[in-house]
N, C-alpha and C. Protein backbone atom coordinates (compact mmCIF):
# COMPACT_ATOMS: atom_id res chain seq x y z
N LEU A 1 0.82 -1.21 0.00
CA LEU A 1 0.00 0.00 0.00
C LEU A 1 0.85 1.26 0.00
N GLU A 2 1.93 1.23 0.74
CA GLU A 2 2.81 2.40 0.76
C GLU A 2 3.36 2.67 -0.63
N GLN A 3 3.78 1.64 -1.33
CA GLN A 3 4.31 1.80 -2.67
C GLN A 3 3.22 2.23 -3.65
N LEU A 4 2.04 1.68 -3.50
CA LEU A 4 0.93 2.01 -4.38
C LEU A 4 0.51 3.47 -4.22
N ARG A 5 0.44 3.94 -2.99
CA ARG A 5 0.02 5.33 -2.74
C ARG A 5 0.95 6.31 -3.44
N ALA A 6 2.22 6.01 -3.50
CA ALA A 6 3.20 6.90 -4.14
C ALA A 6 3.03 6.94 -5.65
N LYS A 7 2.32 5.98 -6.21
CA LYS A 7 2.20 5.89 -7.66
C LYS A 7 0.84 6.29 -8.22
N THR A 8 -0.13 6.59 -7.34
CA THR A 8 -1.45 6.93 -7.84
C THR A 8 -2.15 7.93 -6.93
N LYS A 9 -3.02 8.71 -7.55
CA LYS A 9 -3.89 9.60 -6.80
C LYS A 9 -5.30 9.01 -6.70
N LEU A 10 -5.49 7.84 -7.32
CA LEU A 10 -6.79 7.16 -7.24
C LEU A 10 -7.08 6.79 -5.79
N PRO A 11 -8.35 6.74 -5.41
CA PRO A 11 -8.68 6.34 -4.04
C PRO A 11 -8.27 4.89 -3.77
N ILE A 12 -7.76 4.66 -2.59
CA ILE A 12 -7.42 3.30 -2.16
C ILE A 12 -8.44 2.86 -1.12
N ASP A 13 -9.12 1.76 -1.44
CA ASP A 13 -10.19 1.20 -0.62
C ASP A 13 -9.69 -0.11 -0.03
N VAL A 14 -9.65 -0.21 1.29
CA VAL A 14 -9.18 -1.41 1.97
C VAL A 14 -10.34 -2.09 2.67
N HIS A 15 -10.50 -3.37 2.41
CA HIS A 15 -11.53 -4.20 3.03
C HIS A 15 -10.81 -5.16 3.97
N LEU A 16 -10.93 -4.91 5.27
CA LEU A 16 -10.26 -5.76 6.26
C LEU A 16 -11.11 -6.99 6.57
N MET A 17 -10.53 -8.15 6.39
CA MET A 17 -11.16 -9.41 6.81
C MET A 17 -10.19 -10.06 7.79
N VAL A 18 -10.15 -9.49 8.98
CA VAL A 18 -9.17 -9.87 10.00
C VAL A 18 -9.87 -9.99 11.35
N SER A 19 -9.17 -10.57 12.31
CA SER A 19 -9.76 -10.68 13.64
C SER A 19 -9.42 -9.50 14.54
N ASP A 20 -8.36 -8.77 14.21
CA ASP A 20 -7.96 -7.61 15.03
C ASP A 20 -7.95 -6.35 14.16
N ASN A 21 -9.13 -5.83 13.89
CA ASN A 21 -9.27 -4.65 13.03
C ASN A 21 -8.47 -3.46 13.54
N ASP A 22 -8.52 -3.23 14.84
CA ASP A 22 -7.87 -2.05 15.41
C ASP A 22 -6.37 -2.05 15.15
N PHE A 23 -5.74 -3.21 15.23
CA PHE A 23 -4.31 -3.33 14.95
C PHE A 23 -4.01 -2.90 13.51
N PHE A 24 -4.81 -3.39 12.56
CA PHE A 24 -4.55 -3.07 11.16
C PHE A 24 -4.92 -1.63 10.81
N ILE A 25 -5.91 -1.07 11.47
CA ILE A 25 -6.25 0.33 11.24
C ILE A 25 -5.07 1.22 11.63
N GLU A 26 -4.40 0.88 12.72
CA GLU A 26 -3.23 1.64 13.13
C GLU A 26 -2.11 1.52 12.10
N LEU A 27 -1.94 0.33 11.52
CA LEU A 27 -0.91 0.16 10.48
C LEU A 27 -1.24 0.98 9.23
N LEU A 28 -2.52 1.06 8.91
CA LEU A 28 -2.96 1.74 7.69
C LEU A 28 -2.96 3.27 7.80
N LYS A 29 -3.01 3.78 9.01
CA LYS A 29 -3.28 5.22 9.20
C LYS A 29 -2.31 6.15 8.48
N ASP A 30 -1.07 5.74 8.29
CA ASP A 30 -0.09 6.60 7.64
C ASP A 30 0.21 6.19 6.19
N MET A 31 -0.61 5.29 5.65
CA MET A 31 -0.37 4.79 4.30
C MET A 31 -1.21 5.49 3.23
N GLY A 32 -2.02 6.44 3.63
CA GLY A 32 -2.78 7.20 2.67
C GLY A 32 -3.99 6.49 2.09
N VAL A 33 -4.55 5.54 2.83
CA VAL A 33 -5.76 4.88 2.33
C VAL A 33 -6.94 5.83 2.49
N ASP A 34 -7.89 5.71 1.58
CA ASP A 34 -9.04 6.62 1.58
C ASP A 34 -10.27 6.05 2.25
N ARG A 35 -10.41 4.71 2.18
CA ARG A 35 -11.60 4.06 2.73
C ARG A 35 -11.18 2.75 3.38
N VAL A 36 -11.78 2.47 4.53
CA VAL A 36 -11.52 1.20 5.23
C VAL A 36 -12.85 0.63 5.69
N SER A 37 -13.12 -0.60 5.27
CA SER A 37 -14.30 -1.29 5.78
C SER A 37 -13.87 -2.42 6.69
N VAL A 38 -14.63 -2.59 7.76
CA VAL A 38 -14.38 -3.65 8.74
C VAL A 38 -15.62 -4.52 8.83
N HIS A 39 -15.41 -5.79 9.11
CA HIS A 39 -16.54 -6.70 9.24
C HIS A 39 -17.22 -6.54 10.59
N VAL A 40 -18.52 -6.36 10.55
CA VAL A 40 -19.32 -6.25 11.76
C VAL A 40 -19.03 -7.43 12.68
N GLU A 41 -18.92 -8.61 12.10
CA GLU A 41 -18.77 -9.85 12.87
C GLU A 41 -17.44 -9.95 13.60
N SER A 42 -16.43 -9.22 13.15
CA SER A 42 -15.10 -9.35 13.75
C SER A 42 -14.73 -8.20 14.68
N CYS A 43 -15.62 -7.26 14.88
CA CYS A 43 -15.32 -6.11 15.74
C CYS A 43 -15.83 -6.35 17.15
N THR A 44 -14.95 -6.18 18.12
CA THR A 44 -15.37 -6.26 19.52
C THR A 44 -16.25 -5.06 19.85
N HIS A 45 -15.82 -3.88 19.40
CA HIS A 45 -16.57 -2.64 19.64
C HIS A 45 -16.69 -1.91 18.31
N LEU A 46 -17.71 -2.25 17.54
CA LEU A 46 -17.88 -1.72 16.19
C LEU A 46 -17.89 -0.20 16.18
N ASP A 47 -18.62 0.41 17.08
CA ASP A 47 -18.70 1.88 17.12
C ASP A 47 -17.32 2.49 17.30
N ARG A 48 -16.56 1.97 18.24
CA ARG A 48 -15.22 2.50 18.52
C ARG A 48 -14.30 2.30 17.31
N THR A 49 -14.38 1.14 16.68
CA THR A 49 -13.52 0.86 15.53
C THR A 49 -13.85 1.79 14.36
N LEU A 50 -15.13 2.00 14.08
CA LEU A 50 -15.51 2.91 13.00
C LEU A 50 -15.06 4.34 13.30
N ALA A 51 -15.20 4.75 14.55
CA ALA A 51 -14.74 6.08 14.94
C ALA A 51 -13.23 6.21 14.72
N ARG A 52 -12.48 5.17 15.03
CA ARG A 52 -11.02 5.22 14.84
C ARG A 52 -10.66 5.32 13.37
N VAL A 53 -11.39 4.59 12.51
CA VAL A 53 -11.13 4.70 11.07
C VAL A 53 -11.29 6.15 10.65
N ARG A 54 -12.34 6.79 11.07
CA ARG A 54 -12.57 8.19 10.70
C ARG A 54 -11.51 9.11 11.27
N GLU A 55 -11.05 8.83 12.49
CA GLU A 55 -10.00 9.65 13.10
C GLU A 55 -8.72 9.62 12.29
N THR A 56 -8.47 8.53 11.58
CA THR A 56 -7.26 8.42 10.75
C THR A 56 -7.39 9.22 9.46
N GLY A 57 -8.59 9.73 9.18
CA GLY A 57 -8.82 10.50 7.96
C GLY A 57 -9.44 9.71 6.84
N ALA A 58 -9.66 8.42 7.07
CA ALA A 58 -10.28 7.57 6.04
C ALA A 58 -11.79 7.52 6.24
N GLN A 59 -12.49 7.20 5.18
CA GLN A 59 -13.93 6.94 5.29
C GLN A 59 -14.12 5.56 5.91
N ALA A 60 -15.19 5.41 6.68
CA ALA A 60 -15.44 4.16 7.40
C ALA A 60 -16.61 3.41 6.80
N GLY A 61 -16.41 2.11 6.60
CA GLY A 61 -17.48 1.25 6.10
C GLY A 61 -17.65 0.04 6.98
N ALA A 62 -18.89 -0.45 7.02
CA ALA A 62 -19.19 -1.69 7.74
C ALA A 62 -19.50 -2.76 6.72
N ALA A 63 -18.76 -3.86 6.78
CA ALA A 63 -18.98 -5.00 5.90
C ALA A 63 -19.89 -5.99 6.62
N ILE A 64 -20.90 -6.47 5.88
CA ILE A 64 -21.88 -7.38 6.46
C ILE A 64 -21.89 -8.67 5.66
N ASN A 65 -21.61 -9.79 6.33
CA ASN A 65 -21.65 -11.10 5.68
C ASN A 65 -23.08 -11.49 5.32
N PRO A 66 -23.24 -12.44 4.41
CA PRO A 66 -24.58 -12.83 3.98
C PRO A 66 -25.55 -13.20 5.10
N GLY A 67 -25.08 -13.88 6.13
CA GLY A 67 -25.97 -14.32 7.20
C GLY A 67 -26.14 -13.33 8.34
N THR A 68 -25.49 -12.18 8.27
CA THR A 68 -25.57 -11.18 9.34
C THR A 68 -26.74 -10.24 9.08
N PRO A 69 -27.59 -10.05 10.08
CA PRO A 69 -28.74 -9.16 9.88
C PRO A 69 -28.34 -7.69 9.73
N LEU A 70 -29.08 -6.98 8.92
CA LEU A 70 -28.82 -5.56 8.70
C LEU A 70 -28.97 -4.75 9.99
N GLU A 71 -29.76 -5.23 10.92
CA GLU A 71 -29.95 -4.53 12.19
C GLU A 71 -28.64 -4.33 12.93
N SER A 72 -27.61 -5.10 12.59
CA SER A 72 -26.33 -4.99 13.28
C SER A 72 -25.64 -3.65 13.03
N ILE A 73 -26.09 -2.90 12.03
CA ILE A 73 -25.49 -1.58 11.77
C ILE A 73 -26.41 -0.43 12.16
N GLU A 74 -27.60 -0.75 12.61
CA GLU A 74 -28.61 0.28 12.88
C GLU A 74 -28.13 1.36 13.83
N TYR A 75 -27.34 1.01 14.83
CA TYR A 75 -26.93 1.99 15.84
C TYR A 75 -25.54 2.55 15.62
N VAL A 76 -24.97 2.30 14.43
CA VAL A 76 -23.68 2.90 14.08
C VAL A 76 -23.77 3.68 12.76
N LEU A 77 -24.98 3.91 12.28
CA LEU A 77 -25.15 4.61 11.01
C LEU A 77 -24.46 5.96 11.01
N GLU A 78 -24.44 6.63 12.16
CA GLU A 78 -23.79 7.94 12.27
C GLU A 78 -22.30 7.87 12.02
N ARG A 79 -21.72 6.71 12.19
CA ARG A 79 -20.27 6.51 12.03
C ARG A 79 -19.89 6.07 10.62
N LEU A 80 -20.87 5.77 9.78
CA LEU A 80 -20.60 5.16 8.47
C LEU A 80 -20.53 6.17 7.34
N ASP A 81 -19.66 5.86 6.38
CA ASP A 81 -19.60 6.58 5.12
C ASP A 81 -20.11 5.71 3.98
N TYR A 82 -20.21 4.41 4.23
CA TYR A 82 -20.77 3.46 3.26
C TYR A 82 -21.01 2.12 3.95
N VAL A 83 -21.80 1.28 3.31
CA VAL A 83 -22.06 -0.07 3.79
C VAL A 83 -21.59 -1.04 2.72
N LEU A 84 -20.87 -2.06 3.13
CA LEU A 84 -20.39 -3.09 2.21
C LEU A 84 -21.21 -4.36 2.45
N VAL A 85 -22.03 -4.71 1.46
CA VAL A 85 -22.83 -5.93 1.55
C VAL A 85 -22.07 -7.04 0.84
N MET A 86 -21.73 -8.07 1.60
CA MET A 86 -21.07 -9.24 1.03
C MET A 86 -22.14 -10.14 0.41
N THR A 87 -21.94 -10.52 -0.84
CA THR A 87 -22.92 -11.38 -1.52
C THR A 87 -22.40 -12.81 -1.65
N VAL A 88 -21.25 -13.07 -1.05
CA VAL A 88 -20.70 -14.42 -0.90
C VAL A 88 -20.15 -14.51 0.51
N ASN A 89 -19.92 -15.72 0.97
CA ASN A 89 -19.23 -15.88 2.25
C ASN A 89 -17.75 -15.64 2.00
N PRO A 90 -17.14 -14.68 2.68
CA PRO A 90 -15.77 -14.28 2.37
C PRO A 90 -14.78 -15.44 2.48
N GLY A 91 -13.75 -15.33 1.66
CA GLY A 91 -12.69 -16.30 1.79
C GLY A 91 -11.97 -16.63 0.49
N TYR A 92 -12.70 -16.74 -0.61
CA TYR A 92 -12.02 -17.08 -1.86
C TYR A 92 -12.84 -16.61 -3.06
N ALA A 93 -12.15 -16.41 -4.16
CA ALA A 93 -12.79 -15.93 -5.39
C ALA A 93 -13.53 -17.06 -6.10
N GLY A 94 -14.48 -16.68 -6.93
CA GLY A 94 -15.17 -17.63 -7.79
C GLY A 94 -16.41 -18.26 -7.19
N GLN A 95 -16.88 -17.76 -6.06
CA GLN A 95 -18.08 -18.32 -5.45
C GLN A 95 -19.34 -17.82 -6.14
N LYS A 96 -20.41 -18.59 -6.02
CA LYS A 96 -21.72 -18.13 -6.49
C LYS A 96 -22.32 -17.20 -5.44
N MET A 97 -23.12 -16.27 -5.92
CA MET A 97 -23.79 -15.34 -5.03
C MET A 97 -24.80 -16.10 -4.17
N THR A 98 -24.90 -15.74 -2.89
CA THR A 98 -25.87 -16.39 -2.01
C THR A 98 -27.29 -15.98 -2.43
N PRO A 99 -28.26 -16.87 -2.23
CA PRO A 99 -29.62 -16.64 -2.76
C PRO A 99 -30.30 -15.35 -2.30
N GLY A 100 -30.09 -14.91 -1.08
CA GLY A 100 -30.78 -13.73 -0.57
C GLY A 100 -30.08 -12.42 -0.83
N SER A 101 -29.02 -12.43 -1.62
CA SER A 101 -28.17 -11.24 -1.77
C SER A 101 -28.86 -10.03 -2.37
N ILE A 102 -29.59 -10.20 -3.44
CA ILE A 102 -30.26 -9.05 -4.09
C ILE A 102 -31.29 -8.46 -3.14
N ARG A 103 -32.02 -9.33 -2.46
CA ARG A 103 -33.01 -8.86 -1.48
C ARG A 103 -32.31 -8.10 -0.35
N LYS A 104 -31.12 -8.58 0.07
CA LYS A 104 -30.39 -7.91 1.15
C LYS A 104 -29.91 -6.53 0.71
N ILE A 105 -29.44 -6.41 -0.52
CA ILE A 105 -29.03 -5.09 -1.03
C ILE A 105 -30.22 -4.15 -1.01
N ALA A 106 -31.37 -4.62 -1.50
CA ALA A 106 -32.59 -3.78 -1.53
C ALA A 106 -33.03 -3.42 -0.11
N ASP A 107 -32.96 -4.38 0.80
CA ASP A 107 -33.35 -4.11 2.19
C ASP A 107 -32.39 -3.12 2.85
N CYS A 108 -31.11 -3.21 2.51
CA CYS A 108 -30.13 -2.26 3.03
C CYS A 108 -30.44 -0.86 2.52
N ARG A 109 -30.73 -0.75 1.24
CA ARG A 109 -31.07 0.57 0.68
C ARG A 109 -32.28 1.13 1.39
N LYS A 110 -33.29 0.28 1.64
CA LYS A 110 -34.50 0.72 2.33
C LYS A 110 -34.18 1.16 3.76
N LEU A 111 -33.36 0.39 4.47
CA LEU A 111 -32.97 0.76 5.84
C LEU A 111 -32.27 2.11 5.86
N LEU A 112 -31.33 2.31 4.95
CA LEU A 112 -30.60 3.57 4.90
C LEU A 112 -31.54 4.73 4.57
N ASP A 113 -32.38 4.55 3.58
CA ASP A 113 -33.31 5.60 3.16
C ASP A 113 -34.27 5.98 4.29
N GLU A 114 -34.85 4.97 4.92
CA GLU A 114 -35.85 5.22 5.97
C GLU A 114 -35.24 5.74 7.26
N SER A 115 -33.94 5.53 7.45
CA SER A 115 -33.27 6.00 8.67
C SER A 115 -32.65 7.38 8.51
N GLY A 116 -32.84 7.98 7.34
CA GLY A 116 -32.26 9.30 7.10
C GLY A 116 -30.84 9.27 6.58
N TYR A 117 -30.42 8.14 6.06
CA TYR A 117 -29.05 7.98 5.54
C TYR A 117 -29.06 7.60 4.07
N ALA A 118 -29.96 8.22 3.33
CA ALA A 118 -30.07 7.93 1.89
C ALA A 118 -28.79 8.28 1.14
N HIS A 119 -27.97 9.16 1.72
CA HIS A 119 -26.73 9.59 1.07
C HIS A 119 -25.63 8.52 1.15
N LEU A 120 -25.78 7.53 2.03
CA LEU A 120 -24.74 6.51 2.17
C LEU A 120 -24.80 5.53 1.01
N PRO A 121 -23.69 5.32 0.31
CA PRO A 121 -23.69 4.35 -0.78
C PRO A 121 -23.55 2.92 -0.26
N ILE A 122 -24.04 2.00 -1.05
CA ILE A 122 -23.88 0.57 -0.78
C ILE A 122 -22.83 0.04 -1.73
N GLN A 123 -21.83 -0.58 -1.15
CA GLN A 123 -20.79 -1.26 -1.92
C GLN A 123 -21.12 -2.76 -1.89
N VAL A 124 -20.87 -3.46 -2.99
CA VAL A 124 -21.16 -4.88 -3.07
C VAL A 124 -19.90 -5.63 -3.45
N ASP A 125 -19.64 -6.73 -2.73
CA ASP A 125 -18.46 -7.55 -2.98
C ASP A 125 -18.89 -9.01 -3.01
N GLY A 126 -18.53 -9.70 -4.08
CA GLY A 126 -18.80 -11.12 -4.20
C GLY A 126 -19.62 -11.46 -5.43
N ASN A 127 -19.03 -12.15 -6.36
CA ASN A 127 -19.65 -12.55 -7.62
C ASN A 127 -20.33 -11.37 -8.32
N VAL A 128 -19.58 -10.28 -8.42
CA VAL A 128 -20.06 -9.11 -9.15
C VAL A 128 -19.81 -9.42 -10.64
N SER A 129 -20.69 -10.22 -11.17
CA SER A 129 -20.54 -10.73 -12.54
C SER A 129 -21.37 -9.89 -13.50
N PHE A 130 -21.10 -10.07 -14.78
CA PHE A 130 -21.88 -9.37 -15.81
C PHE A 130 -23.37 -9.68 -15.64
N GLU A 131 -23.68 -10.90 -15.25
CA GLU A 131 -25.08 -11.32 -15.09
C GLU A 131 -25.71 -10.73 -13.82
N ASN A 132 -24.93 -10.58 -12.75
CA ASN A 132 -25.47 -10.10 -11.48
C ASN A 132 -25.49 -8.58 -11.34
N ILE A 133 -24.62 -7.91 -12.06
CA ILE A 133 -24.50 -6.45 -11.92
C ILE A 133 -25.84 -5.73 -12.13
N PRO A 134 -26.61 -6.03 -13.18
CA PRO A 134 -27.87 -5.27 -13.35
C PRO A 134 -28.79 -5.37 -12.14
N ASN A 135 -28.95 -6.55 -11.57
CA ASN A 135 -29.83 -6.72 -10.41
C ASN A 135 -29.24 -6.07 -9.16
N MET A 136 -27.92 -6.10 -9.02
CA MET A 136 -27.28 -5.45 -7.87
C MET A 136 -27.50 -3.94 -7.92
N VAL A 137 -27.30 -3.36 -9.09
CA VAL A 137 -27.48 -1.91 -9.25
C VAL A 137 -28.94 -1.53 -9.09
N ALA A 138 -29.83 -2.31 -9.69
CA ALA A 138 -31.27 -2.03 -9.56
C ALA A 138 -31.72 -2.09 -8.11
N ALA A 139 -31.09 -2.95 -7.31
CA ALA A 139 -31.45 -3.09 -5.89
C ALA A 139 -30.88 -1.96 -5.03
N GLY A 140 -29.89 -1.22 -5.55
CA GLY A 140 -29.36 -0.10 -4.79
C GLY A 140 -27.86 -0.04 -4.65
N ALA A 141 -27.13 -0.97 -5.24
CA ALA A 141 -25.67 -0.94 -5.16
C ALA A 141 -25.12 0.24 -5.95
N ALA A 142 -24.18 0.96 -5.35
CA ALA A 142 -23.55 2.10 -6.01
C ALA A 142 -22.09 1.81 -6.35
N ASN A 143 -21.42 1.02 -5.52
CA ASN A 143 -20.01 0.69 -5.71
C ASN A 143 -19.88 -0.82 -5.87
N LEU A 144 -19.25 -1.24 -6.94
CA LEU A 144 -19.10 -2.66 -7.23
C LEU A 144 -17.64 -3.07 -7.11
N VAL A 145 -17.37 -4.10 -6.34
CA VAL A 145 -16.02 -4.64 -6.21
C VAL A 145 -15.85 -5.68 -7.31
N ALA A 146 -15.21 -5.26 -8.38
CA ALA A 146 -15.08 -6.11 -9.57
C ALA A 146 -13.87 -7.01 -9.43
N GLY A 147 -14.02 -8.24 -9.89
CA GLY A 147 -12.92 -9.20 -9.82
C GLY A 147 -12.98 -10.19 -10.95
N THR A 148 -12.79 -11.44 -10.61
CA THR A 148 -12.69 -12.50 -11.62
C THR A 148 -14.00 -12.77 -12.35
N SER A 149 -15.12 -12.31 -11.80
CA SER A 149 -16.42 -12.52 -12.45
C SER A 149 -16.76 -11.43 -13.46
N SER A 150 -15.92 -10.39 -13.52
CA SER A 150 -16.24 -9.29 -14.44
C SER A 150 -14.96 -8.69 -15.02
N ILE A 151 -14.40 -7.71 -14.37
CA ILE A 151 -13.30 -6.96 -14.97
C ILE A 151 -12.09 -7.84 -15.32
N PHE A 152 -11.84 -8.87 -14.53
CA PHE A 152 -10.72 -9.77 -14.79
C PHE A 152 -11.18 -11.11 -15.38
N HIS A 153 -12.38 -11.13 -15.94
CA HIS A 153 -12.91 -12.37 -16.53
C HIS A 153 -12.02 -12.83 -17.67
N LYS A 154 -11.78 -14.12 -17.75
CA LYS A 154 -10.85 -14.68 -18.74
C LYS A 154 -11.38 -14.64 -20.17
N SER A 155 -12.66 -14.37 -20.34
CA SER A 155 -13.25 -14.45 -21.68
C SER A 155 -12.86 -13.30 -22.60
N ALA A 156 -12.32 -12.21 -22.03
CA ALA A 156 -11.99 -11.05 -22.86
C ALA A 156 -10.91 -10.22 -22.19
N ALA A 157 -10.39 -9.26 -22.95
CA ALA A 157 -9.41 -8.32 -22.41
C ALA A 157 -10.11 -7.35 -21.46
N MET A 158 -9.33 -6.71 -20.59
CA MET A 158 -9.90 -5.83 -19.59
C MET A 158 -10.73 -4.70 -20.20
N ASP A 159 -10.30 -4.11 -21.30
CA ASP A 159 -11.07 -3.01 -21.88
C ASP A 159 -12.45 -3.48 -22.34
N GLU A 160 -12.53 -4.67 -22.92
CA GLU A 160 -13.84 -5.21 -23.32
C GLU A 160 -14.67 -5.55 -22.08
N ASN A 161 -14.05 -6.11 -21.06
CA ASN A 161 -14.78 -6.41 -19.83
C ASN A 161 -15.31 -5.14 -19.17
N MET A 162 -14.56 -4.06 -19.25
CA MET A 162 -15.03 -2.78 -18.70
C MET A 162 -16.25 -2.29 -19.48
N ARG A 163 -16.23 -2.45 -20.79
CA ARG A 163 -17.40 -2.07 -21.59
C ARG A 163 -18.61 -2.91 -21.22
N ARG A 164 -18.40 -4.21 -21.03
CA ARG A 164 -19.51 -5.08 -20.63
C ARG A 164 -20.05 -4.68 -19.26
N MET A 165 -19.15 -4.33 -18.35
CA MET A 165 -19.60 -3.87 -17.03
C MET A 165 -20.42 -2.59 -17.14
N SER A 166 -19.96 -1.67 -17.95
CA SER A 166 -20.70 -0.41 -18.14
C SER A 166 -22.10 -0.67 -18.68
N ARG A 167 -22.21 -1.57 -19.63
CA ARG A 167 -23.53 -1.91 -20.17
C ARG A 167 -24.41 -2.55 -19.10
N ALA A 168 -23.83 -3.42 -18.27
CA ALA A 168 -24.59 -4.08 -17.21
C ALA A 168 -25.05 -3.04 -16.17
N ILE A 169 -24.21 -2.07 -15.86
CA ILE A 169 -24.58 -1.01 -14.92
C ILE A 169 -25.73 -0.19 -15.50
N GLU A 170 -25.62 0.18 -16.76
CA GLU A 170 -26.70 0.95 -17.41
C GLU A 170 -28.02 0.17 -17.38
N GLU A 171 -27.94 -1.13 -17.62
CA GLU A 171 -29.14 -1.97 -17.56
C GLU A 171 -29.75 -1.92 -16.17
N GLY A 172 -28.92 -2.01 -15.15
CA GLY A 172 -29.41 -1.95 -13.77
C GLY A 172 -30.03 -0.62 -13.42
N LEU A 173 -29.41 0.47 -13.89
CA LEU A 173 -29.97 1.80 -13.66
C LEU A 173 -31.32 1.95 -14.34
N ALA A 174 -31.45 1.41 -15.54
CA ALA A 174 -32.73 1.46 -16.25
C ALA A 174 -33.79 0.68 -15.51
N GLN A 175 -33.41 -0.47 -14.95
CA GLN A 175 -34.37 -1.30 -14.17
C GLN A 175 -34.86 -0.57 -12.94
N SER A 176 -34.01 0.25 -12.33
CA SER A 176 -34.35 0.89 -11.06
C SER A 176 -35.29 2.07 -11.22
N LYS A 177 -35.53 2.48 -12.45
CA LYS A 177 -36.41 3.65 -12.67
C LYS A 177 -37.86 3.25 -12.73
């Protein structure tokens, strides 16, 4: 990350999947990261951890695994800059999206809107494929974590995959109207 920050002005988004978030937040604080998401399930004191992320100057996000209820973030909304909805169980690339994922994205959007946090974007990570992107966007996803199912898909070069992703996003935006 230190080497990467020196070579780009693009935002650096870090998704921590660790058991000691606070330790890694301290390591990241001087590396110029722009956004840090922590898993709700791995934080001893989620409110305190999110506050510390913000104190370092980064935006704070809460990552929610497929089986974790959205209510787990209800009392930390004031500390959030975004919500990361996991659509696979974290751990490895190439998984299929869990069955309730699109509904969870839509329910998250509804929770944020009804709680007065309509400005908070939803980030989605896990099987962000050409096929899933339209439904993810239509459900309320604003930030897509692209990987082997889309931007790095083996079927085409990255520039063609980016065009396919753009078309899938446009399709999702059209569905949401």
